[in-house]
Amino acid sequence: MSTPAKRVEWTCPGCGKRYAIPAHMPEPRLCPQCRNRGASLGEAVAAEYPLPSEPAPMGFPIDVEPPEIDRSVPEFEPPTIPLPTRRPKRSTLRKRYPILRTIALCYKVLAAIVGLGAIVGIGISITATTTVEASPERTNQIIAGLVTFGAGVVLAILFWTFSEVIHLLLDIEETTRRAAKSDNSTY
């Protein structure tokens, strides 16, 4: 037993006739009679839905002129906003222990000189490997250069550390004096 296929109502855009077509089929563009006449879908749609007539061209009234545009570039004037004045906090405490500060500076200079000596030591070692033929003297030069480099790096770090420790102790002393002065002034 076969069940009848569902049908959908369709209207031809060319002639306006209504047809019942199977639901599973795509909608045709034109019905068989319009196709036999040779009518195209565009003609059919144009006959069904005519285009409106063209509107009359609109024009501006003669006495109204478009506004003139100012194309000049205005001069730029930065806004004059007063900046807040803030006096830097100057320490009323004088720097103490100038000799210790000088010693710390000397340690930093010494660290730089020893660091340069370490670089010279590695330079000696490198040149000895490339210029002198294999001999005990060459081996001694390479070892001396490497020892100079290693000792120079260690001493440079050590001298720089001494300098920083001196600065640290001076900063601790200065901070303690400031805190003591501010505590005394609040009572």
N, C-alpha and C. Protein backbone atom coordinates (compact mmCIF):
# COMPACT_ATOMS: atom_id res chain seq x y z
N MET A 1 0.82 -1.16 0.00
CA MET A 1 0.00 0.00 0.00
C MET A 1 0.88 1.24 0.00
N SER A 2 0.68 2.11 -0.92
CA SER A 2 1.49 3.33 -1.01
C SER A 2 0.68 4.51 -0.50
N THR A 3 1.37 5.37 0.18
CA THR A 3 0.69 6.55 0.72
C THR A 3 0.79 7.66 -0.30
N PRO A 4 -0.23 8.45 -0.42
CA PRO A 4 -0.17 9.54 -1.40
C PRO A 4 0.88 10.57 -0.98
N ALA A 5 1.60 11.14 -1.95
CA ALA A 5 2.64 12.14 -1.67
C ALA A 5 1.99 13.44 -1.25
N LYS A 6 2.63 14.12 -0.32
CA LYS A 6 2.11 15.42 0.12
C LYS A 6 2.31 16.42 -1.00
N ARG A 7 1.33 17.31 -1.09
CA ARG A 7 1.40 18.32 -2.15
C ARG A 7 1.39 19.71 -1.54
N VAL A 8 2.05 20.63 -2.25
CA VAL A 8 2.14 22.02 -1.83
C VAL A 8 1.54 22.87 -2.92
N GLU A 9 0.83 23.94 -2.52
CA GLU A 9 0.24 24.83 -3.51
C GLU A 9 1.30 25.81 -3.99
N TRP A 10 1.40 26.01 -5.33
CA TRP A 10 2.36 26.90 -5.91
C TRP A 10 1.67 27.74 -6.96
N THR A 11 2.05 29.04 -7.04
CA THR A 11 1.46 29.95 -8.01
C THR A 11 2.53 30.33 -9.01
N CYS A 12 2.22 30.23 -10.29
CA CYS A 12 3.17 30.57 -11.35
C CYS A 12 3.31 32.09 -11.39
N PRO A 13 4.55 32.59 -11.36
CA PRO A 13 4.73 34.04 -11.42
C PRO A 13 4.43 34.62 -12.80
N GLY A 14 4.41 33.77 -13.83
CA GLY A 14 4.15 34.26 -15.19
C GLY A 14 2.68 34.47 -15.48
N CYS A 15 1.85 33.48 -15.19
CA CYS A 15 0.43 33.59 -15.55
C CYS A 15 -0.48 33.68 -14.33
N GLY A 16 0.02 33.37 -13.16
CA GLY A 16 -0.77 33.50 -11.94
C GLY A 16 -1.63 32.29 -11.64
N LYS A 17 -1.52 31.20 -12.41
CA LYS A 17 -2.31 30.00 -12.14
C LYS A 17 -1.73 29.28 -10.94
N ARG A 18 -2.62 28.62 -10.20
CA ARG A 18 -2.18 27.87 -9.03
C ARG A 18 -2.10 26.40 -9.38
N TYR A 19 -1.04 25.76 -8.85
CA TYR A 19 -0.81 24.35 -9.11
C TYR A 19 -0.53 23.66 -7.77
N ALA A 20 -0.77 22.36 -7.73
CA ALA A 20 -0.41 21.52 -6.59
C ALA A 20 0.78 20.68 -7.03
N ILE A 21 1.93 20.90 -6.39
CA ILE A 21 3.13 20.17 -6.78
C ILE A 21 3.57 19.31 -5.61
N PRO A 22 4.28 18.22 -5.87
CA PRO A 22 4.77 17.38 -4.77
C PRO A 22 5.70 18.19 -3.85
N ALA A 23 5.60 17.92 -2.56
CA ALA A 23 6.36 18.70 -1.56
C ALA A 23 7.86 18.45 -1.66
N HIS A 24 8.23 17.24 -2.11
CA HIS A 24 9.66 16.93 -2.14
C HIS A 24 10.36 17.52 -3.36
N MET A 25 9.64 18.07 -4.32
CA MET A 25 10.23 18.64 -5.54
C MET A 25 10.51 20.13 -5.33
N PRO A 26 11.57 20.64 -5.95
CA PRO A 26 11.81 22.09 -5.85
C PRO A 26 10.78 22.85 -6.65
N GLU A 27 10.55 24.10 -6.24
CA GLU A 27 9.54 24.90 -6.94
C GLU A 27 10.05 25.27 -8.33
N PRO A 28 9.22 25.10 -9.36
CA PRO A 28 9.66 25.48 -10.71
C PRO A 28 9.64 27.00 -10.87
N ARG A 29 10.37 27.46 -11.86
CA ARG A 29 10.37 28.91 -12.10
C ARG A 29 9.09 29.34 -12.81
N LEU A 30 8.68 28.56 -13.80
CA LEU A 30 7.47 28.87 -14.56
C LEU A 30 6.65 27.59 -14.74
N CYS A 31 5.40 27.77 -14.99
CA CYS A 31 4.53 26.60 -15.24
C CYS A 31 4.80 26.08 -16.65
N PRO A 32 4.33 24.86 -17.01
CA PRO A 32 4.60 24.30 -18.34
C PRO A 32 4.04 25.16 -19.48
N GLN A 33 2.91 25.80 -19.27
CA GLN A 33 2.32 26.61 -20.35
C GLN A 33 3.18 27.85 -20.63
N CYS A 34 3.65 28.50 -19.53
CA CYS A 34 4.49 29.70 -19.73
C CYS A 34 5.83 29.31 -20.37
N ARG A 35 6.36 28.13 -20.01
CA ARG A 35 7.61 27.69 -20.61
C ARG A 35 7.42 27.42 -22.10
N ASN A 36 6.26 26.88 -22.49
CA ASN A 36 5.97 26.60 -23.90
C ASN A 36 5.84 27.89 -24.70
N ARG A 37 5.37 28.96 -24.05
CA ARG A 37 5.24 30.24 -24.74
C ARG A 37 6.59 30.89 -24.96
N GLY A 38 7.59 30.44 -24.18
CA GLY A 38 8.93 31.02 -24.31
C GLY A 38 9.12 32.24 -23.42
N ALA A 39 8.25 32.42 -22.48
CA ALA A 39 8.37 33.56 -21.57
C ALA A 39 9.51 33.28 -20.58
N SER A 40 10.21 34.31 -20.25
CA SER A 40 11.29 34.15 -19.29
C SER A 40 10.77 34.53 -17.90
N LEU A 41 11.50 34.12 -16.91
CA LEU A 41 11.11 34.42 -15.54
C LEU A 41 11.13 35.92 -15.29
N GLY A 42 12.10 36.61 -15.89
CA GLY A 42 12.18 38.06 -15.72
C GLY A 42 10.97 38.75 -16.29
N GLU A 43 10.52 38.32 -17.48
CA GLU A 43 9.32 38.91 -18.08
C GLU A 43 8.09 38.61 -17.23
N ALA A 44 8.06 37.40 -16.71
CA ALA A 44 6.90 37.02 -15.90
C ALA A 44 6.84 37.85 -14.62
N VAL A 45 7.95 38.00 -14.00
CA VAL A 45 7.98 38.80 -12.76
C VAL A 45 7.71 40.25 -13.08
N ALA A 46 8.26 40.78 -14.18
CA ALA A 46 8.02 42.17 -14.55
C ALA A 46 6.56 42.41 -14.86
N ALA A 47 5.89 41.43 -15.48
CA ALA A 47 4.47 41.58 -15.76
C ALA A 47 3.66 41.55 -14.47
N GLU A 48 4.08 40.72 -13.51
CA GLU A 48 3.37 40.60 -12.24
C GLU A 48 3.61 41.81 -11.34
N TYR A 49 4.85 42.29 -11.33
CA TYR A 49 5.23 43.40 -10.45
C TYR A 49 5.85 44.52 -11.28
N PRO A 50 5.08 45.44 -11.80
CA PRO A 50 5.65 46.51 -12.64
C PRO A 50 6.47 47.48 -11.78
N LEU A 51 7.50 48.03 -12.41
CA LEU A 51 8.35 49.00 -11.73
C LEU A 51 7.63 50.33 -11.61
N PRO A 52 7.82 51.06 -10.52
CA PRO A 52 7.21 52.39 -10.41
C PRO A 52 7.87 53.35 -11.38
N SER A 53 7.15 54.39 -11.71
CA SER A 53 7.71 55.37 -12.64
C SER A 53 8.85 56.12 -11.94
N GLU A 54 9.77 56.64 -12.74
CA GLU A 54 10.92 57.32 -12.17
C GLU A 54 10.47 58.63 -11.52
N PRO A 55 11.01 58.92 -10.36
CA PRO A 55 10.63 60.18 -9.71
C PRO A 55 11.28 61.36 -10.43
N ALA A 56 10.67 62.51 -10.27
CA ALA A 56 11.22 63.72 -10.89
C ALA A 56 12.54 64.07 -10.20
N PRO A 57 13.51 64.50 -10.97
CA PRO A 57 14.78 64.86 -10.35
C PRO A 57 14.61 66.05 -9.41
N MET A 58 15.28 65.92 -8.27
CA MET A 58 15.19 67.01 -7.30
C MET A 58 16.41 67.91 -7.47
N GLY A 59 16.20 69.16 -7.34
CA GLY A 59 17.29 70.11 -7.45
C GLY A 59 17.27 71.05 -6.26
N PHE A 60 18.38 71.71 -6.04
CA PHE A 60 18.42 72.69 -4.97
C PHE A 60 17.79 73.98 -5.46
N PRO A 61 17.14 74.67 -4.58
CA PRO A 61 16.64 76.00 -5.00
C PRO A 61 17.82 76.90 -5.36
N ILE A 62 17.59 77.78 -6.26
CA ILE A 62 18.67 78.62 -6.77
C ILE A 62 19.20 79.56 -5.69
N ASP A 63 18.31 80.04 -4.83
CA ASP A 63 18.74 81.03 -3.85
C ASP A 63 19.48 80.42 -2.65
N VAL A 64 19.49 79.11 -2.52
CA VAL A 64 20.18 78.48 -1.40
C VAL A 64 21.55 78.02 -1.88
N GLU A 65 22.60 78.51 -1.21
CA GLU A 65 23.96 78.11 -1.54
C GLU A 65 24.50 77.23 -0.43
N PRO A 66 25.32 76.27 -0.78
CA PRO A 66 25.90 75.46 0.28
C PRO A 66 26.83 76.32 1.14
N PRO A 67 26.91 76.02 2.41
CA PRO A 67 27.75 76.84 3.29
C PRO A 67 29.22 76.66 2.93
N GLU A 68 29.99 77.73 3.08
CA GLU A 68 31.41 77.67 2.80
C GLU A 68 32.11 76.98 3.96
N ILE A 69 33.08 76.18 3.60
CA ILE A 69 33.82 75.43 4.60
C ILE A 69 35.13 76.17 4.86
N ASP A 70 35.43 76.41 6.12
CA ASP A 70 36.68 77.07 6.48
C ASP A 70 37.79 76.02 6.44
N ARG A 71 38.68 76.15 5.48
CA ARG A 71 39.74 75.16 5.31
C ARG A 71 41.08 75.66 5.88
N SER A 72 41.06 76.76 6.57
CA SER A 72 42.31 77.25 7.14
C SER A 72 42.68 76.43 8.37
N VAL A 73 43.97 76.30 8.61
CA VAL A 73 44.46 75.51 9.73
C VAL A 73 44.65 76.45 10.93
N PRO A 74 43.96 76.17 12.02
CA PRO A 74 44.12 77.06 13.17
C PRO A 74 45.49 76.86 13.81
N GLU A 75 45.99 77.92 14.40
CA GLU A 75 47.27 77.81 15.09
C GLU A 75 47.07 77.04 16.38
N PHE A 76 48.06 76.23 16.67
CA PHE A 76 47.97 75.41 17.88
C PHE A 76 48.58 76.16 19.04
N GLU A 77 47.83 76.31 20.08
CA GLU A 77 48.33 76.91 21.30
C GLU A 77 48.14 75.90 22.42
N PRO A 78 49.22 75.42 22.95
CA PRO A 78 49.06 74.44 24.03
C PRO A 78 48.40 75.10 25.23
N PRO A 79 47.58 74.35 25.92
CA PRO A 79 46.92 74.93 27.09
C PRO A 79 47.95 75.25 28.17
N THR A 80 47.71 76.33 28.81
CA THR A 80 48.62 76.74 29.87
C THR A 80 48.05 76.28 31.19
N ILE A 81 48.43 75.11 31.56
CA ILE A 81 47.99 74.53 32.82
C ILE A 81 49.16 74.64 33.79
N PRO A 82 48.93 75.26 34.90
CA PRO A 82 50.06 75.36 35.83
C PRO A 82 50.40 73.99 36.39
N LEU A 83 51.66 73.67 36.31
CA LEU A 83 52.11 72.40 36.85
C LEU A 83 52.26 72.52 38.36
N PRO A 84 51.95 71.45 39.04
CA PRO A 84 52.09 71.52 40.49
C PRO A 84 53.55 71.66 40.87
N THR A 85 53.78 72.56 41.78
CA THR A 85 55.15 72.75 42.23
C THR A 85 55.39 71.87 43.44
N ARG A 86 56.46 71.17 43.36
CA ARG A 86 56.79 70.25 44.44
C ARG A 86 58.27 70.39 44.72
N ARG A 87 58.55 70.86 45.87
CA ARG A 87 59.94 71.03 46.22
C ARG A 87 60.55 69.68 46.55
N PRO A 88 61.72 69.43 46.03
CA PRO A 88 62.35 68.16 46.37
C PRO A 88 62.72 68.14 47.85
N LYS A 89 62.57 66.98 48.44
CA LYS A 89 62.93 66.84 49.84
C LYS A 89 64.44 66.85 49.94
N ARG A 90 64.95 67.86 50.52
CA ARG A 90 66.38 67.92 50.73
C ARG A 90 66.65 67.50 52.16
N SER A 91 67.57 66.69 52.27
CA SER A 91 67.93 66.21 53.59
C SER A 91 68.60 67.34 54.36
N THR A 92 68.03 67.62 55.52
CA THR A 92 68.66 68.62 56.36
C THR A 92 69.87 68.04 57.07
N LEU A 93 69.98 66.73 57.01
CA LEU A 93 71.13 66.07 57.62
C LEU A 93 72.30 66.16 56.65
N ARG A 94 73.43 66.54 57.14
CA ARG A 94 74.59 66.59 56.25
C ARG A 94 75.16 65.18 56.12
N LYS A 95 75.78 64.96 54.99
CA LYS A 95 76.38 63.65 54.75
C LYS A 95 77.56 63.48 55.69
N ARG A 96 77.55 62.41 56.40
CA ARG A 96 78.64 62.14 57.33
C ARG A 96 79.60 61.14 56.71
N TYR A 97 80.72 61.03 57.33
CA TYR A 97 81.75 60.04 56.98
C TYR A 97 82.23 60.17 55.54
N PRO A 98 82.73 61.33 55.14
CA PRO A 98 83.21 61.48 53.76
C PRO A 98 84.41 60.58 53.45
N ILE A 99 85.21 60.27 54.45
CA ILE A 99 86.37 59.41 54.21
C ILE A 99 85.91 58.00 53.83
N LEU A 100 84.85 57.51 54.49
CA LEU A 100 84.33 56.18 54.14
C LEU A 100 83.76 56.16 52.72
N ARG A 101 83.12 57.24 52.34
CA ARG A 101 82.58 57.32 50.97
C ARG A 101 83.74 57.31 49.97
N THR A 102 84.82 57.99 50.29
CA THR A 102 85.99 58.01 49.40
C THR A 102 86.63 56.62 49.31
N ILE A 103 86.70 55.94 50.44
CA ILE A 103 87.26 54.58 50.44
C ILE A 103 86.40 53.65 49.57
N ALA A 104 85.06 53.80 49.68
CA ALA A 104 84.17 52.98 48.86
C ALA A 104 84.39 53.26 47.38
N LEU A 105 84.59 54.53 47.02
CA LEU A 105 84.87 54.88 45.64
C LEU A 105 86.19 54.26 45.18
N CYS A 106 87.20 54.29 46.05
CA CYS A 106 88.49 53.70 45.71
C CYS A 106 88.36 52.19 45.46
N TYR A 107 87.55 51.52 46.28
CA TYR A 107 87.33 50.09 46.06
C TYR A 107 86.68 49.83 44.70
N LYS A 108 85.72 50.69 44.28
CA LYS A 108 85.08 50.50 42.97
C LYS A 108 86.09 50.71 41.84
N VAL A 109 86.94 51.73 41.97
CA VAL A 109 87.96 51.97 40.95
C VAL A 109 88.93 50.80 40.90
N LEU A 110 89.33 50.31 42.07
CA LEU A 110 90.22 49.16 42.13
C LEU A 110 89.58 47.92 41.49
N ALA A 111 88.29 47.72 41.74
CA ALA A 111 87.57 46.59 41.12
C ALA A 111 87.59 46.71 39.60
N ALA A 112 87.42 47.91 39.07
CA ALA A 112 87.45 48.10 37.62
C ALA A 112 88.84 47.82 37.06
N ILE A 113 89.88 48.28 37.75
CA ILE A 113 91.25 48.04 37.27
C ILE A 113 91.57 46.54 37.28
N VAL A 114 91.19 45.85 38.36
CA VAL A 114 91.45 44.41 38.45
C VAL A 114 90.65 43.66 37.38
N GLY A 115 89.42 44.12 37.10
CA GLY A 115 88.61 43.50 36.04
C GLY A 115 89.27 43.64 34.69
N LEU A 116 89.85 44.82 34.42
CA LEU A 116 90.59 44.99 33.16
C LEU A 116 91.82 44.09 33.13
N GLY A 117 92.49 43.93 34.28
CA GLY A 117 93.64 43.02 34.34
C GLY A 117 93.23 41.59 34.05
N ALA A 118 92.03 41.21 34.48
CA ALA A 118 91.55 39.85 34.19
C ALA A 118 91.33 39.68 32.70
N ILE A 119 90.82 40.71 32.06
CA ILE A 119 90.62 40.63 30.61
C ILE A 119 91.97 40.53 29.89
N VAL A 120 92.96 41.27 30.37
CA VAL A 120 94.31 41.17 29.78
C VAL A 120 94.87 39.77 29.98
N GLY A 121 94.62 39.18 31.17
CA GLY A 121 95.11 37.83 31.44
C GLY A 121 94.53 36.81 30.49
N ILE A 122 93.24 36.90 30.19
CA ILE A 122 92.65 35.94 29.25
C ILE A 122 93.15 36.23 27.84
N GLY A 123 93.45 37.51 27.54
CA GLY A 123 94.03 37.84 26.24
C GLY A 123 95.40 37.22 26.06
N ILE A 124 96.22 37.24 27.12
CA ILE A 124 97.54 36.60 27.07
C ILE A 124 97.40 35.11 26.82
N SER A 125 96.45 34.52 27.48
CA SER A 125 96.24 33.08 27.33
C SER A 125 95.82 32.74 25.90
N ILE A 126 94.97 33.55 25.33
CA ILE A 126 94.49 33.28 23.96
C ILE A 126 95.61 33.48 22.95
N THR A 127 96.37 34.55 23.12
CA THR A 127 97.46 34.78 22.16
C THR A 127 98.54 33.71 22.28
N ALA A 128 98.77 33.19 23.48
CA ALA A 128 99.77 32.13 23.65
C ALA A 128 99.34 30.86 22.92
N THR A 129 98.07 30.58 22.85
CA THR A 129 97.61 29.36 22.18
C THR A 129 97.75 29.46 20.68
N THR A 130 97.74 30.67 20.14
CA THR A 130 97.75 30.80 18.68
C THR A 130 99.10 31.17 18.10
N THR A 131 100.01 31.76 18.93
CA THR A 131 101.26 32.24 18.34
C THR A 131 102.48 31.38 18.66
N VAL A 132 102.57 30.83 19.82
CA VAL A 132 103.78 30.10 20.23
C VAL A 132 103.58 28.61 19.93
N GLU A 133 104.68 27.97 19.49
CA GLU A 133 104.61 26.53 19.23
C GLU A 133 104.51 25.78 20.55
N ALA A 134 104.08 24.55 20.47
CA ALA A 134 103.89 23.75 21.68
C ALA A 134 105.22 23.62 22.43
N SER A 135 105.20 24.10 23.65
CA SER A 135 106.41 24.02 24.48
C SER A 135 105.99 24.21 25.94
N PRO A 136 106.89 23.92 26.87
CA PRO A 136 106.55 24.18 28.27
C PRO A 136 106.32 25.67 28.55
N GLU A 137 107.01 26.53 27.81
CA GLU A 137 106.81 27.97 28.00
C GLU A 137 105.39 28.38 27.60
N ARG A 138 104.90 27.82 26.51
CA ARG A 138 103.54 28.10 26.04
C ARG A 138 102.53 27.63 27.08
N THR A 139 102.75 26.43 27.61
CA THR A 139 101.84 25.91 28.64
C THR A 139 101.84 26.82 29.85
N ASN A 140 103.01 27.29 30.25
CA ASN A 140 103.10 28.20 31.39
C ASN A 140 102.37 29.51 31.11
N GLN A 141 102.45 30.04 29.89
CA GLN A 141 101.75 31.27 29.54
C GLN A 141 100.23 31.08 29.58
N ILE A 142 99.77 29.94 29.08
CA ILE A 142 98.32 29.66 29.10
C ILE A 142 97.84 29.55 30.54
N ILE A 143 98.56 28.81 31.36
CA ILE A 143 98.16 28.65 32.76
C ILE A 143 98.21 30.00 33.48
N ALA A 144 99.25 30.80 33.22
CA ALA A 144 99.36 32.12 33.86
C ALA A 144 98.20 33.02 33.45
N GLY A 145 97.85 32.98 32.18
CA GLY A 145 96.73 33.80 31.71
C GLY A 145 95.42 33.39 32.35
N LEU A 146 95.18 32.08 32.43
CA LEU A 146 93.92 31.60 33.04
C LEU A 146 93.87 31.91 34.54
N VAL A 147 95.02 31.75 35.22
CA VAL A 147 95.06 32.07 36.65
C VAL A 147 94.85 33.56 36.86
N THR A 148 95.46 34.38 36.00
CA THR A 148 95.28 35.83 36.10
C THR A 148 93.81 36.20 35.88
N PHE A 149 93.18 35.57 34.91
CA PHE A 149 91.77 35.85 34.65
C PHE A 149 90.91 35.45 35.84
N GLY A 150 91.10 34.23 36.34
CA GLY A 150 90.29 33.76 37.47
C GLY A 150 90.49 34.60 38.71
N ALA A 151 91.74 34.90 39.04
CA ALA A 151 92.01 35.71 40.23
C ALA A 151 91.49 37.13 40.03
N GLY A 152 91.60 37.66 38.83
CA GLY A 152 91.11 39.01 38.55
C GLY A 152 89.61 39.11 38.73
N VAL A 153 88.87 38.13 38.24
CA VAL A 153 87.41 38.15 38.38
C VAL A 153 87.02 38.06 39.85
N VAL A 154 87.67 37.16 40.59
CA VAL A 154 87.34 37.00 42.01
C VAL A 154 87.66 38.28 42.78
N LEU A 155 88.85 38.86 42.54
CA LEU A 155 89.23 40.08 43.24
C LEU A 155 88.34 41.26 42.85
N ALA A 156 87.97 41.37 41.58
CA ALA A 156 87.10 42.47 41.15
C ALA A 156 85.75 42.37 41.85
N ILE A 157 85.19 41.16 41.93
CA ILE A 157 83.91 40.98 42.63
C ILE A 157 84.07 41.28 44.11
N LEU A 158 85.17 40.87 44.69
CA LEU A 158 85.41 41.10 46.11
C LEU A 158 85.55 42.60 46.41
N PHE A 159 86.30 43.34 45.60
CA PHE A 159 86.46 44.78 45.82
C PHE A 159 85.13 45.53 45.64
N TRP A 160 84.38 45.12 44.64
CA TRP A 160 83.07 45.76 44.40
C TRP A 160 82.15 45.48 45.59
N THR A 161 82.20 44.28 46.13
CA THR A 161 81.38 43.93 47.28
C THR A 161 81.78 44.76 48.50
N PHE A 162 83.07 44.97 48.73
CA PHE A 162 83.52 45.82 49.85
C PHE A 162 82.93 47.22 49.71
N SER A 163 82.97 47.74 48.51
CA SER A 163 82.42 49.08 48.28
C SER A 163 80.93 49.13 48.58
N GLU A 164 80.20 48.13 48.13
CA GLU A 164 78.75 48.10 48.37
C GLU A 164 78.42 47.91 49.85
N VAL A 165 79.22 47.16 50.57
CA VAL A 165 79.00 46.97 52.02
C VAL A 165 79.20 48.30 52.74
N ILE A 166 80.22 49.05 52.35
CA ILE A 166 80.43 50.36 52.96
C ILE A 166 79.24 51.27 52.70
N HIS A 167 78.74 51.29 51.47
CA HIS A 167 77.56 52.11 51.14
C HIS A 167 76.34 51.64 51.93
N LEU A 168 76.19 50.34 52.07
CA LEU A 168 75.06 49.80 52.82
C LEU A 168 75.11 50.27 54.27
N LEU A 169 76.27 50.19 54.88
CA LEU A 169 76.39 50.62 56.27
C LEU A 169 76.15 52.13 56.41
N LEU A 170 76.63 52.91 55.46
CA LEU A 170 76.37 54.36 55.50
C LEU A 170 74.89 54.66 55.35
N ASP A 171 74.20 53.92 54.46
CA ASP A 171 72.75 54.13 54.28
C ASP A 171 71.99 53.73 55.54
N ILE A 172 72.40 52.65 56.19
CA ILE A 172 71.74 52.24 57.43
C ILE A 172 71.92 53.33 58.49
N GLU A 173 73.12 53.86 58.59
CA GLU A 173 73.38 54.91 59.58
C GLU A 173 72.55 56.15 59.30
N GLU A 174 72.46 56.55 58.02
CA GLU A 174 71.70 57.74 57.65
C GLU A 174 70.21 57.54 57.91
N THR A 175 69.70 56.38 57.59
CA THR A 175 68.29 56.10 57.82
C THR A 175 67.97 56.08 59.32
N THR A 176 68.86 55.53 60.09
CA THR A 176 68.65 55.50 61.54
C THR A 176 68.64 56.92 62.10
N ARG A 177 69.56 57.77 61.62
CA ARG A 177 69.57 59.16 62.08
C ARG A 177 68.28 59.87 61.69
N ARG A 178 67.80 59.66 60.47
CA ARG A 178 66.55 60.29 60.03
C ARG A 178 65.38 59.84 60.88
N ALA A 179 65.31 58.53 61.13
CA ALA A 179 64.20 58.01 61.94
C ALA A 179 64.27 58.57 63.36
N ALA A 180 65.46 58.66 63.92
CA ALA A 180 65.60 59.20 65.27
C ALA A 180 65.20 60.67 65.29
N LYS A 181 65.56 61.41 64.26
CA LYS A 181 65.22 62.83 64.21
C LYS A 181 63.72 63.01 64.06
N SER A 182 63.05 62.19 63.22
CA SER A 182 61.61 62.33 63.05
C SER A 182 60.86 61.89 64.30
N ASP A 183 61.38 60.89 65.05
CA ASP A 183 60.75 60.48 66.30
C ASP A 183 60.86 61.57 67.34
N ASN A 184 61.98 62.24 67.40
CA ASN A 184 62.17 63.31 68.37
C ASN A 184 61.29 64.49 68.05
N SER A 185 61.04 64.76 66.79
CA SER A 185 60.25 65.93 66.41
C SER A 185 58.75 65.70 66.62
N THR A 186 58.30 64.44 66.69
CA THR A 186 56.87 64.19 66.89
C THR A 186 56.46 64.26 68.34
N TYR A 187 57.39 64.18 69.30
CA TYR A 187 57.02 64.21 70.71
C TYR A 187 56.92 65.61 71.20
